[in-house]
Amino acid sequence: MGEDGLLRDEAVELLEEKEQLKHAMESRPVIDMARGVLMAGLACEPEEAWEVLVTVSQHANIKLREVAEAVTSAASGKPMPELLEKHLAIAVQSWQADRT
């Protein structure tokens, strides 16, 4: 591969990384709000709220941002999708069992 090909590959990688970082920055506020909702509701630490969100995301196979959006919407009275509600309940029960 010539120098032009290497530069092109590097440029593509940089553009992909830029898009990933942009998406992460856009998702961060809703994730932080969801952590706050869980911290207030469960009287837990920020790291524990993060672990609950990640557990729900992984077990439900739903993006973390979408889980966070559902948690924050539920805090303002919007019903949470049944699948997420189920996985959230399981994650909270597991978290509570680990605390004792």
PDB file of N, CA and C in Angstrom:
ATOM      1  N   MET A   1       0.865  -1.180   0.000  1.00  0.00           N
ATOM      2  CA  MET A   1       0.000   0.000   0.000  1.00  0.00           C
ATOM      3  C   MET A   1       0.898   1.225   0.000  1.00  0.00           C
ATOM      4  N   GLY A   2       0.574   2.182  -0.828  1.00  0.00           N
ATOM      5  CA  GLY A   2       1.379   3.385  -0.927  1.00  0.00           C
ATOM      6  C   GLY A   2       1.067   4.371   0.187  1.00  0.00           C
ATOM      7  N   GLU A   3       1.836   5.436   0.185  1.00  0.00           N
ATOM      8  CA  GLU A   3       1.665   6.471   1.214  1.00  0.00           C
ATOM      9  C   GLU A   3       0.276   7.098   1.147  1.00  0.00           C
ATOM     10  N   ASP A   4      -0.245   7.292  -0.071  1.00  0.00           N
ATOM     11  CA  ASP A   4      -1.591   7.851  -0.232  1.00  0.00           C
ATOM     12  C   ASP A   4      -2.645   6.948   0.414  1.00  0.00           C
ATOM     13  N   GLY A   5      -2.492   5.633   0.233  1.00  0.00           N
ATOM     14  CA  GLY A   5      -3.436   4.684   0.828  1.00  0.00           C
ATOM     15  C   GLY A   5      -3.392   4.718   2.347  1.00  0.00           C
ATOM     16  N   LEU A   6      -2.199   4.822   2.915  1.00  0.00           N
ATOM     17  CA  LEU A   6      -2.055   4.904   4.370  1.00  0.00           C
ATOM     18  C   LEU A   6      -2.693   6.179   4.917  1.00  0.00           C
ATOM     19  N   LEU A   7      -2.449   7.290   4.229  1.00  0.00           N
ATOM     20  CA  LEU A   7      -3.037   8.564   4.657  1.00  0.00           C
ATOM     21  C   LEU A   7      -4.563   8.513   4.578  1.00  0.00           C
ATOM     22  N   ARG A   8      -5.076   7.896   3.537  1.00  0.00           N
ATOM     23  CA  ARG A   8      -6.525   7.768   3.371  1.00  0.00           C
ATOM     24  C   ARG A   8      -7.110   6.915   4.500  1.00  0.00           C
ATOM     25  N   ASP A   9      -6.448   5.804   4.817  1.00  0.00           N
ATOM     26  CA  ASP A   9      -6.909   4.940   5.909  1.00  0.00           C
ATOM     27  C   ASP A   9      -6.901   5.681   7.240  1.00  0.00           C
ATOM     28  N   GLU A  10      -5.837   6.445   7.489  1.00  0.00           N
ATOM     29  CA  GLU A  10      -5.748   7.230   8.727  1.00  0.00           C
ATOM     30  C   GLU A  10      -6.852   8.283   8.783  1.00  0.00           C
ATOM     31  N   ALA A  11      -7.136   8.906   7.654  1.00  0.00           N
ATOM     32  CA  ALA A  11      -8.191   9.929   7.606  1.00  0.00           C
ATOM     33  C   ALA A  11      -9.544   9.308   7.898  1.00  0.00           C
ATOM     34  N   VAL A  12      -9.811   8.132   7.348  1.00  0.00           N
ATOM     35  CA  VAL A  12     -11.079   7.439   7.598  1.00  0.00           C
ATOM     36  C   VAL A  12     -11.198   7.085   9.073  1.00  0.00           C
ATOM     37  N   GLU A  13     -10.125   6.570   9.659  1.00  0.00           N
ATOM     38  CA  GLU A  13     -10.126   6.222  11.084  1.00  0.00           C
ATOM     39  C   GLU A  13     -10.388   7.451  11.950  1.00  0.00           C
ATOM     40  N   LEU A  14      -9.752   8.566  11.604  1.00  0.00           N
ATOM     41  CA  LEU A  14      -9.951   9.798  12.374  1.00  0.00           C
ATOM     42  C   LEU A  14     -11.391  10.295  12.270  1.00  0.00           C
ATOM     43  N   LEU A  15     -11.976  10.212  11.091  1.00  0.00           N
ATOM     44  CA  LEU A  15     -13.371  10.624  10.922  1.00  0.00           C
ATOM     45  C   LEU A  15     -14.311   9.732  11.716  1.00  0.00           C
ATOM     46  N   GLU A  16     -14.058   8.429  11.722  1.00  0.00           N
ATOM     47  CA  GLU A  16     -14.889   7.509  12.497  1.00  0.00           C
ATOM     48  C   GLU A  16     -14.770   7.800  13.982  1.00  0.00           C
ATOM     49  N   GLU A  17     -13.549   8.043  14.461  1.00  0.00           N
ATOM     50  CA  GLU A  17     -13.328   8.361  15.871  1.00  0.00           C
ATOM     51  C   GLU A  17     -14.019   9.670  16.240  1.00  0.00           C
ATOM     52  N   LYS A  18     -13.950  10.648  15.350  1.00  0.00           N
ATOM     53  CA  LYS A  18     -14.619  11.928  15.592  1.00  0.00           C
ATOM     54  C   LYS A  18     -16.119  11.724  15.760  1.00  0.00           C
ATOM     55  N   GLU A  19     -16.730  10.914  14.897  1.00  0.00           N
ATOM     56  CA  GLU A  19     -18.170  10.645  14.989  1.00  0.00           C
ATOM     57  C   GLU A  19     -18.522   9.922  16.279  1.00  0.00           C
ATOM     58  N   GLN A  20     -17.688   8.977  16.683  1.00  0.00           N
ATOM     59  CA  GLN A  20     -17.926   8.260  17.935  1.00  0.00           C
ATOM     60  C   GLN A  20     -17.853   9.211  19.125  1.00  0.00           C
ATOM     61  N   LEU A  21     -16.874  10.082  19.139  1.00  0.00           N
ATOM     62  CA  LEU A  21     -16.734  11.053  20.231  1.00  0.00           C
ATOM     63  C   LEU A  21     -17.897  12.045  20.247  1.00  0.00           C
ATOM     64  N   LYS A  22     -18.316  12.478  19.073  1.00  0.00           N
ATOM     65  CA  LYS A  22     -19.453  13.397  18.970  1.00  0.00           C
ATOM     66  C   LYS A  22     -20.709  12.737  19.536  1.00  0.00           C
ATOM     67  N   HIS A  23     -20.937  11.491  19.169  1.00  0.00           N
ATOM     68  CA  HIS A  23     -22.110  10.760  19.655  1.00  0.00           C
ATOM     69  C   HIS A  23     -22.040  10.584  21.176  1.00  0.00           C
ATOM     70  N   ALA A  24     -20.851  10.282  21.684  1.00  0.00           N
ATOM     71  CA  ALA A  24     -20.684  10.116  23.129  1.00  0.00           C
ATOM     72  C   ALA A  24     -20.982  11.418  23.866  1.00  0.00           C
ATOM     73  N   MET A  25     -20.523  12.522  23.316  1.00  0.00           N
ATOM     74  CA  MET A  25     -20.772  13.821  23.961  1.00  0.00           C
ATOM     75  C   MET A  25     -22.260  14.179  23.940  1.00  0.00           C
ATOM     76  N   GLU A  26     -22.957  13.792  22.893  1.00  0.00           N
ATOM     77  CA  GLU A  26     -24.389  14.075  22.813  1.00  0.00           C
ATOM     78  C   GLU A  26     -25.182  13.186  23.769  1.00  0.00           C
ATOM     79  N   SER A  27     -24.697  11.976  24.019  1.00  0.00           N
ATOM     80  CA  SER A  27     -25.395  11.027  24.883  1.00  0.00           C
ATOM     81  C   SER A  27     -25.141  11.290  26.361  1.00  0.00           C
ATOM     82  N   ARG A  28     -24.048  11.897  26.674  1.00  0.00           N
ATOM     83  CA  ARG A  28     -23.615  12.048  28.072  1.00  0.00           C
ATOM     84  C   ARG A  28     -24.636  12.744  28.972  1.00  0.00           C
ATOM     85  N   PRO A  29     -25.254  13.851  28.567  1.00  0.00           N
ATOM     86  CA  PRO A  29     -26.188  14.521  29.477  1.00  0.00           C
ATOM     87  C   PRO A  29     -27.355  13.631  29.912  1.00  0.00           C
ATOM     88  N   VAL A  30     -27.958  12.887  29.002  1.00  0.00           N
ATOM     89  CA  VAL A  30     -29.096  12.051  29.378  1.00  0.00           C
ATOM     90  C   VAL A  30     -28.641  10.899  30.272  1.00  0.00           C
ATOM     91  N   ILE A  31     -27.445  10.392  30.042  1.00  0.00           N
ATOM     92  CA  ILE A  31     -26.918   9.327  30.896  1.00  0.00           C
ATOM     93  C   ILE A  31     -26.673   9.868  32.294  1.00  0.00           C
ATOM     94  N   ASP A  32     -26.108  11.065  32.391  1.00  0.00           N
ATOM     95  CA  ASP A  32     -25.885  11.680  33.705  1.00  0.00           C
ATOM     96  C   ASP A  32     -27.205  11.952  34.430  1.00  0.00           C
ATOM     97  N   MET A  33     -28.217  12.377  33.686  1.00  0.00           N
ATOM     98  CA  MET A  33     -29.532  12.606  34.315  1.00  0.00           C
ATOM     99  C   MET A  33     -30.106  11.300  34.841  1.00  0.00           C
ATOM    100  N   ALA A  34     -29.987  10.236  34.065  1.00  0.00           N
ATOM    101  CA  ALA A  34     -30.496   8.930  34.498  1.00  0.00           C
ATOM    102  C   ALA A  34     -29.749   8.452  35.740  1.00  0.00           C
ATOM    103  N   ARG A  35     -28.451   8.682  35.783  1.00  0.00           N
ATOM    104  CA  ARG A  35     -27.694   8.322  36.986  1.00  0.00           C
ATOM    105  C   ARG A  35     -28.231   9.089  38.185  1.00  0.00           C
ATOM    106  N   GLY A  36     -28.531  10.359  37.983  1.00  0.00           N
ATOM    107  CA  GLY A  36     -29.084  11.167  39.078  1.00  0.00           C
ATOM    108  C   GLY A  36     -30.431  10.651  39.544  1.00  0.00           C
ATOM    109  N   VAL A  37     -31.273  10.251  38.602  1.00  0.00           N
ATOM    110  CA  VAL A  37     -32.589   9.691  38.947  1.00  0.00           C
ATOM    111  C   VAL A  37     -32.406   8.445  39.797  1.00  0.00           C
ATOM    112  N   LEU A  38     -31.499   7.561  39.363  1.00  0.00           N
ATOM    113  CA  LEU A  38     -31.270   6.331  40.122  1.00  0.00           C
ATOM    114  C   LEU A  38     -30.637   6.618  41.476  1.00  0.00           C
ATOM    115  N   MET A  39     -29.715   7.555  41.528  1.00  0.00           N
ATOM    116  CA  MET A  39     -29.081   7.909  42.797  1.00  0.00           C
ATOM    117  C   MET A  39     -30.114   8.406  43.796  1.00  0.00           C
ATOM    118  N   ALA A  40     -31.039   9.238  43.324  1.00  0.00           N
ATOM    119  CA  ALA A  40     -32.079   9.770  44.215  1.00  0.00           C
ATOM    120  C   ALA A  40     -33.062   8.675  44.615  1.00  0.00           C
ATOM    121  N   GLY A  41     -33.448   7.856  43.659  1.00  0.00           N
ATOM    122  CA  GLY A  41     -34.445   6.826  43.936  1.00  0.00           C
ATOM    123  C   GLY A  41     -33.933   5.663  44.759  1.00  0.00           C
ATOM    124  N   LEU A  42     -32.667   5.346  44.585  1.00  0.00           N
ATOM    125  CA  LEU A  42     -32.096   4.176  45.266  1.00  0.00           C
ATOM    126  C   LEU A  42     -31.175   4.550  46.424  1.00  0.00           C
ATOM    127  N   ALA A  43     -30.935   5.828  46.594  1.00  0.00           N
ATOM    128  CA  ALA A  43     -29.968   6.300  47.595  1.00  0.00           C
ATOM    129  C   ALA A  43     -28.626   5.585  47.392  1.00  0.00           C
ATOM    130  N   CYS A  44     -28.128   5.667  46.158  1.00  0.00           N
ATOM    131  CA  CYS A  44     -26.877   4.985  45.840  1.00  0.00           C
ATOM    132  C   CYS A  44     -25.829   5.986  45.362  1.00  0.00           C
ATOM    133  N   GLU A  45     -24.631   5.486  45.224  1.00  0.00           N
ATOM    134  CA  GLU A  45     -23.506   6.291  44.751  1.00  0.00           C
ATOM    135  C   GLU A  45     -23.533   6.374  43.220  1.00  0.00           C
ATOM    136  N   PRO A  46     -22.853   7.376  42.647  1.00  0.00           N
ATOM    137  CA  PRO A  46     -22.827   7.509  41.182  1.00  0.00           C
ATOM    138  C   PRO A  46     -22.334   6.246  40.465  1.00  0.00           C
ATOM    139  N   GLU A  47     -21.311   5.602  41.004  1.00  0.00           N
ATOM    140  CA  GLU A  47     -20.774   4.396  40.373  1.00  0.00           C
ATOM    141  C   GLU A  47     -21.802   3.270  40.398  1.00  0.00           C
ATOM    142  N   GLU A  48     -22.572   3.183  41.478  1.00  0.00           N
ATOM    143  CA  GLU A  48     -23.589   2.139  41.579  1.00  0.00           C
ATOM    144  C   GLU A  48     -24.711   2.384  40.573  1.00  0.00           C
ATOM    145  N   ALA A  49     -25.110   3.638  40.424  1.00  0.00           N
ATOM    146  CA  ALA A  49     -26.142   3.968  39.433  1.00  0.00           C
ATOM    147  C   ALA A  49     -25.642   3.644  38.031  1.00  0.00           C
ATOM    148  N   TRP A  50     -24.372   3.932  37.771  1.00  0.00           N
ATOM    149  CA  TRP A  50     -23.771   3.610  36.480  1.00  0.00           C
ATOM    150  C   TRP A  50     -23.834   2.103  36.234  1.00  0.00           C
ATOM    151  N   GLU A  51     -23.473   1.327  37.242  1.00  0.00           N
ATOM    152  CA  GLU A  51     -23.480  -0.135  37.113  1.00  0.00           C
ATOM    153  C   GLU A  51     -24.891  -0.660  36.821  1.00  0.00           C
ATOM    154  N   VAL A  52     -25.901  -0.086  37.457  1.00  0.00           N
ATOM    155  CA  VAL A  52     -27.279  -0.505  37.198  1.00  0.00           C
ATOM    156  C   VAL A  52     -27.643  -0.215  35.744  1.00  0.00           C
ATOM    157  N   LEU A  53     -27.315   0.985  35.261  1.00  0.00           N
ATOM    158  CA  LEU A  53     -27.621   1.337  33.867  1.00  0.00           C
ATOM    159  C   LEU A  53     -26.912   0.411  32.880  1.00  0.00           C
ATOM    160  N   VAL A  54     -25.643   0.146  33.132  1.00  0.00           N
ATOM    161  CA  VAL A  54     -24.869  -0.715  32.232  1.00  0.00           C
ATOM    162  C   VAL A  54     -25.426  -2.137  32.256  1.00  0.00           C
ATOM    163  N   THR A  55     -25.792  -2.625  33.430  1.00  0.00           N
ATOM    164  CA  THR A  55     -26.353  -3.970  33.548  1.00  0.00           C
ATOM    165  C   THR A  55     -27.643  -4.088  32.744  1.00  0.00           C
ATOM    166  N   VAL A  56     -28.516  -3.094  32.880  1.00  0.00           N
ATOM    167  CA  VAL A  56     -29.767  -3.107  32.125  1.00  0.00           C
ATOM    168  C   VAL A  56     -29.471  -3.087  30.632  1.00  0.00           C
ATOM    169  N   SER A  57     -28.566  -2.222  30.217  1.00  0.00           N
ATOM    170  CA  SER A  57     -28.212  -2.109  28.800  1.00  0.00           C
ATOM    171  C   SER A  57     -27.699  -3.431  28.246  1.00  0.00           C
ATOM    172  N   GLN A  58     -26.812  -4.062  28.978  1.00  0.00           N
ATOM    173  CA  GLN A  58     -26.218  -5.310  28.503  1.00  0.00           C
ATOM    174  C   GLN A  58     -27.231  -6.449  28.478  1.00  0.00           C
ATOM    175  N   HIS A  59     -28.017  -6.579  29.536  1.00  0.00           N
ATOM    176  CA  HIS A  59     -28.949  -7.702  29.616  1.00  0.00           C
ATOM    177  C   HIS A  59     -30.151  -7.529  28.680  1.00  0.00           C
ATOM    178  N   ALA A  60     -30.560  -6.301  28.452  1.00  0.00           N
ATOM    179  CA  ALA A  60     -31.685  -6.052  27.548  1.00  0.00           C
ATOM    180  C   ALA A  60     -31.215  -5.892  26.107  1.00  0.00           C
ATOM    181  N   ASN A  61     -29.893  -5.817  25.923  1.00  0.00           N
ATOM    182  CA  ASN A  61     -29.299  -5.614  24.600  1.00  0.00           C
ATOM    183  C   ASN A  61     -29.843  -4.336  23.949  1.00  0.00           C
ATOM    184  N   ILE A  62     -29.855  -3.280  24.763  1.00  0.00           N
ATOM    185  CA  ILE A  62     -30.321  -1.964  24.321  1.00  0.00           C
ATOM    186  C   ILE A  62     -29.226  -0.959  24.637  1.00  0.00           C
ATOM    187  N   LYS A  63     -29.010  -0.029  23.748  1.00  0.00           N
ATOM    188  CA  LYS A  63     -27.957   0.966  23.945  1.00  0.00           C
ATOM    189  C   LYS A  63     -28.153   1.707  25.271  1.00  0.00           C
ATOM    190  N   LEU A  64     -27.038   2.015  25.906  1.00  0.00           N
ATOM    191  CA  LEU A  64     -27.055   2.692  27.198  1.00  0.00           C
ATOM    192  C   LEU A  64     -27.836   4.006  27.129  1.00  0.00           C
ATOM    193  N   ARG A  65     -27.645   4.755  26.046  1.00  0.00           N
ATOM    194  CA  ARG A  65     -28.354   6.022  25.880  1.00  0.00           C
ATOM    195  C   ARG A  65     -29.862   5.807  25.893  1.00  0.00           C
ATOM    196  N   GLU A  66     -30.337   4.739  25.240  1.00  0.00           N
ATOM    197  CA  GLU A  66     -31.770   4.458  25.194  1.00  0.00           C
ATOM    198  C   GLU A  66     -32.305   4.058  26.564  1.00  0.00           C
ATOM    199  N   VAL A  67     -31.516   3.318  27.318  1.00  0.00           N
ATOM    200  CA  VAL A  67     -31.907   2.966  28.688  1.00  0.00           C
ATOM    201  C   VAL A  67     -32.008   4.243  29.519  1.00  0.00           C
ATOM    202  N   ALA A  68     -31.021   5.103  29.383  1.00  0.00           N
ATOM    203  CA  ALA A  68     -31.005   6.358  30.138  1.00  0.00           C
ATOM    204  C   ALA A  68     -32.215   7.224  29.775  1.00  0.00           C
ATOM    205  N   GLU A  69     -32.546   7.290  28.498  1.00  0.00           N
ATOM    206  CA  GLU A  69     -33.709   8.071  28.069  1.00  0.00           C
ATOM    207  C   GLU A  69     -34.992   7.516  28.691  1.00  0.00           C
ATOM    208  N   ALA A  70     -35.106   6.197  28.749  1.00  0.00           N
ATOM    209  CA  ALA A  70     -36.299   5.575  29.342  1.00  0.00           C
ATOM    210  C   ALA A  70     -36.380   5.870  30.835  1.00  0.00           C
ATOM    211  N   VAL A  71     -35.248   5.831  31.529  1.00  0.00           N
ATOM    212  CA  VAL A  71     -35.231   6.110  32.971  1.00  0.00           C
ATOM    213  C   VAL A  71     -35.628   7.557  33.234  1.00  0.00           C
ATOM    214  N   THR A  72     -35.066   8.487  32.474  1.00  0.00           N
ATOM    215  CA  THR A  72     -35.399   9.891  32.706  1.00  0.00           C
ATOM    216  C   THR A  72     -36.845  10.194  32.321  1.00  0.00           C
ATOM    217  N   SER A  73     -37.335   9.567  31.266  1.00  0.00           N
ATOM    218  CA  SER A  73     -38.737   9.760  30.878  1.00  0.00           C
ATOM    219  C   SER A  73     -39.678   9.208  31.939  1.00  0.00           C
ATOM    220  N   ALA A  74     -39.319   8.046  32.489  1.00  0.00           N
ATOM    221  CA  ALA A  74     -40.151   7.439  33.538  1.00  0.00           C
ATOM    222  C   ALA A  74     -40.188   8.329  34.781  1.00  0.00           C
ATOM    223  N   ALA A  75     -39.090   9.015  35.051  1.00  0.00           N
ATOM    224  CA  ALA A  75     -39.050   9.904  36.214  1.00  0.00           C
ATOM    225  C   ALA A  75     -40.003  11.077  36.049  1.00  0.00           C
ATOM    226  N   SER A  76     -40.325  11.411  34.804  1.00  0.00           N
ATOM    227  CA  SER A  76     -41.261  12.510  34.560  1.00  0.00           C
ATOM    228  C   SER A  76     -42.661  12.007  34.235  1.00  0.00           C
ATOM    229  N   GLY A  77     -42.915  10.704  34.506  1.00  0.00           N
ATOM    230  CA  GLY A  77     -44.263  10.180  34.397  1.00  0.00           C
ATOM    231  C   GLY A  77     -44.580   9.370  33.156  1.00  0.00           C
ATOM    232  N   LYS A  78     -43.657   9.287  32.213  1.00  0.00           N
ATOM    233  CA  LYS A  78     -43.910   8.508  30.998  1.00  0.00           C
ATOM    234  C   LYS A  78     -43.658   7.027  31.299  1.00  0.00           C
ATOM    235  N   PRO A  79     -44.562   6.153  30.882  1.00  0.00           N
ATOM    236  CA  PRO A  79     -44.358   4.725  31.153  1.00  0.00           C
ATOM    237  C   PRO A  79     -43.085   4.192  30.483  1.00  0.00           C
ATOM    238  N   MET A  80     -42.388   3.336  31.210  1.00  0.00           N
ATOM    239  CA  MET A  80     -41.183   2.713  30.676  1.00  0.00           C
ATOM    240  C   MET A  80     -41.582   1.469  29.883  1.00  0.00           C
ATOM    241  N   PRO A  81     -40.915   1.209  28.770  1.00  0.00           N
ATOM    242  CA  PRO A  81     -41.204  -0.032  28.039  1.00  0.00           C
ATOM    243  C   PRO A  81     -41.076  -1.239  28.974  1.00  0.00           C
ATOM    244  N   GLU A  82     -41.974  -2.186  28.804  1.00  0.00           N
ATOM    245  CA  GLU A  82     -42.051  -3.336  29.708  1.00  0.00           C
ATOM    246  C   GLU A  82     -40.727  -4.093  29.811  1.00  0.00           C
ATOM    247  N   LEU A  83     -40.060  -4.302  28.681  1.00  0.00           N
ATOM    248  CA  LEU A  83     -38.790  -5.015  28.687  1.00  0.00           C
ATOM    249  C   LEU A  83     -37.758  -4.307  29.560  1.00  0.00           C
ATOM    250  N   LEU A  84     -37.659  -2.993  29.401  1.00  0.00           N
ATOM    251  CA  LEU A  84     -36.700  -2.232  30.201  1.00  0.00           C
ATOM    252  C   LEU A  84     -37.085  -2.229  31.667  1.00  0.00           C
ATOM    253  N   GLU A  85     -38.369  -2.109  31.937  1.00  0.00           N
ATOM    254  CA  GLU A  85     -38.834  -2.116  33.320  1.00  0.00           C
ATOM    255  C   GLU A  85     -38.453  -3.433  34.004  1.00  0.00           C
ATOM    256  N   LYS A  86     -38.621  -4.523  33.286  1.00  0.00           N
ATOM    257  CA  LYS A  86     -38.273  -5.844  33.814  1.00  0.00           C
ATOM    258  C   LYS A  86     -36.779  -5.933  34.104  1.00  0.00           C
ATOM    259  N   HIS A  87     -35.957  -5.528  33.139  1.00  0.00           N
ATOM    260  CA  HIS A  87     -34.508  -5.604  33.315  1.00  0.00           C
ATOM    261  C   HIS A  87     -34.019  -4.637  34.389  1.00  0.00           C
ATOM    262  N   LEU A  88     -34.648  -3.483  34.495  1.00  0.00           N
ATOM    263  CA  LEU A  88     -34.281  -2.542  35.545  1.00  0.00           C
ATOM    264  C   LEU A  88     -34.592  -3.129  36.917  1.00  0.00           C
ATOM    265  N   ALA A  89     -35.747  -3.735  37.063  1.00  0.00           N
ATOM    266  CA  ALA A  89     -36.116  -4.351  38.342  1.00  0.00           C
ATOM    267  C   ALA A  89     -35.123  -5.443  38.723  1.00  0.00           C
ATOM    268  N   ILE A  90     -34.731  -6.262  37.769  1.00  0.00           N
ATOM    269  CA  ILE A  90     -33.760  -7.329  38.039  1.00  0.00           C
ATOM    270  C   ILE A  90     -32.408  -6.743  38.434  1.00  0.00           C
ATOM    271  N   ALA A  91     -31.955  -5.704  37.720  1.00  0.00           N
ATOM    272  CA  ALA A  91     -30.666  -5.073  38.020  1.00  0.00           C
ATOM    273  C   ALA A  91     -30.680  -4.440  39.402  1.00  0.00           C
ATOM    274  N   VAL A  92     -31.794  -3.810  39.759  1.00  0.00           N
ATOM    275  CA  VAL A  92     -31.895  -3.178  41.086  1.00  0.00           C
ATOM    276  C   VAL A  92     -31.904  -4.247  42.175  1.00  0.00           C
ATOM    277  N   GLN A  93     -32.643  -5.329  41.966  1.00  0.00           N
ATOM    278  CA  GLN A  93     -32.666  -6.419  42.951  1.00  0.00           C
ATOM    279  C   GLN A  93     -31.269  -7.002  43.137  1.00  0.00           C
ATOM    280  N   SER A  94     -30.556  -7.194  42.049  1.00  0.00           N
ATOM    281  CA  SER A  94     -29.196  -7.715  42.122  1.00  0.00           C
ATOM    282  C   SER A  94     -28.276  -6.749  42.870  1.00  0.00           C
ATOM    283  N   TRP A  95     -28.395  -5.470  42.558  1.00  0.00           N
ATOM    284  CA  TRP A  95     -27.598  -4.447  43.231  1.00  0.00           C
ATOM    285  C   TRP A  95     -27.885  -4.437  44.723  1.00  0.00           C
ATOM    286  N   GLN A  96     -29.169  -4.509  45.097  1.00  0.00           N
ATOM    287  CA  GLN A  96     -29.545  -4.501  46.501  1.00  0.00           C
ATOM    288  C   GLN A  96     -29.024  -5.745  47.215  1.00  0.00           C
ATOM    289  N   ALA A  97     -29.068  -6.888  46.559  1.00  0.00           N
ATOM    290  CA  ALA A  97     -28.568  -8.122  47.161  1.00  0.00           C
ATOM    291  C   ALA A  97     -27.059  -8.032  47.400  1.00  0.00           C
ATOM    292  N   ASP A  98     -26.347  -7.382  46.485  1.00  0.00           N
ATOM    293  CA  ASP A  98     -24.905  -7.234  46.637  1.00  0.00           C
ATOM    294  C   ASP A  98     -24.533  -6.277  47.768  1.00  0.00           C
ATOM    295  N   ARG A  99     -25.424  -5.371  48.110  1.00  0.00           N
ATOM    296  CA  ARG A  99     -25.163  -4.382  49.171  1.00  0.00           C
ATOM    297  C   ARG A  99     -25.193  -5.017  50.554  1.00  0.00           C
ATOM    298  N   THR A 100     -25.965  -6.082  50.695  1.00  0.00           N
ATOM    299  CA  THR A 100     -26.139  -6.668  52.034  1.00  0.00           C
ATOM    300  C   THR A 100     -25.144  -7.750  52.334  1.00  0.00           C
TER     301      THR A 100
END
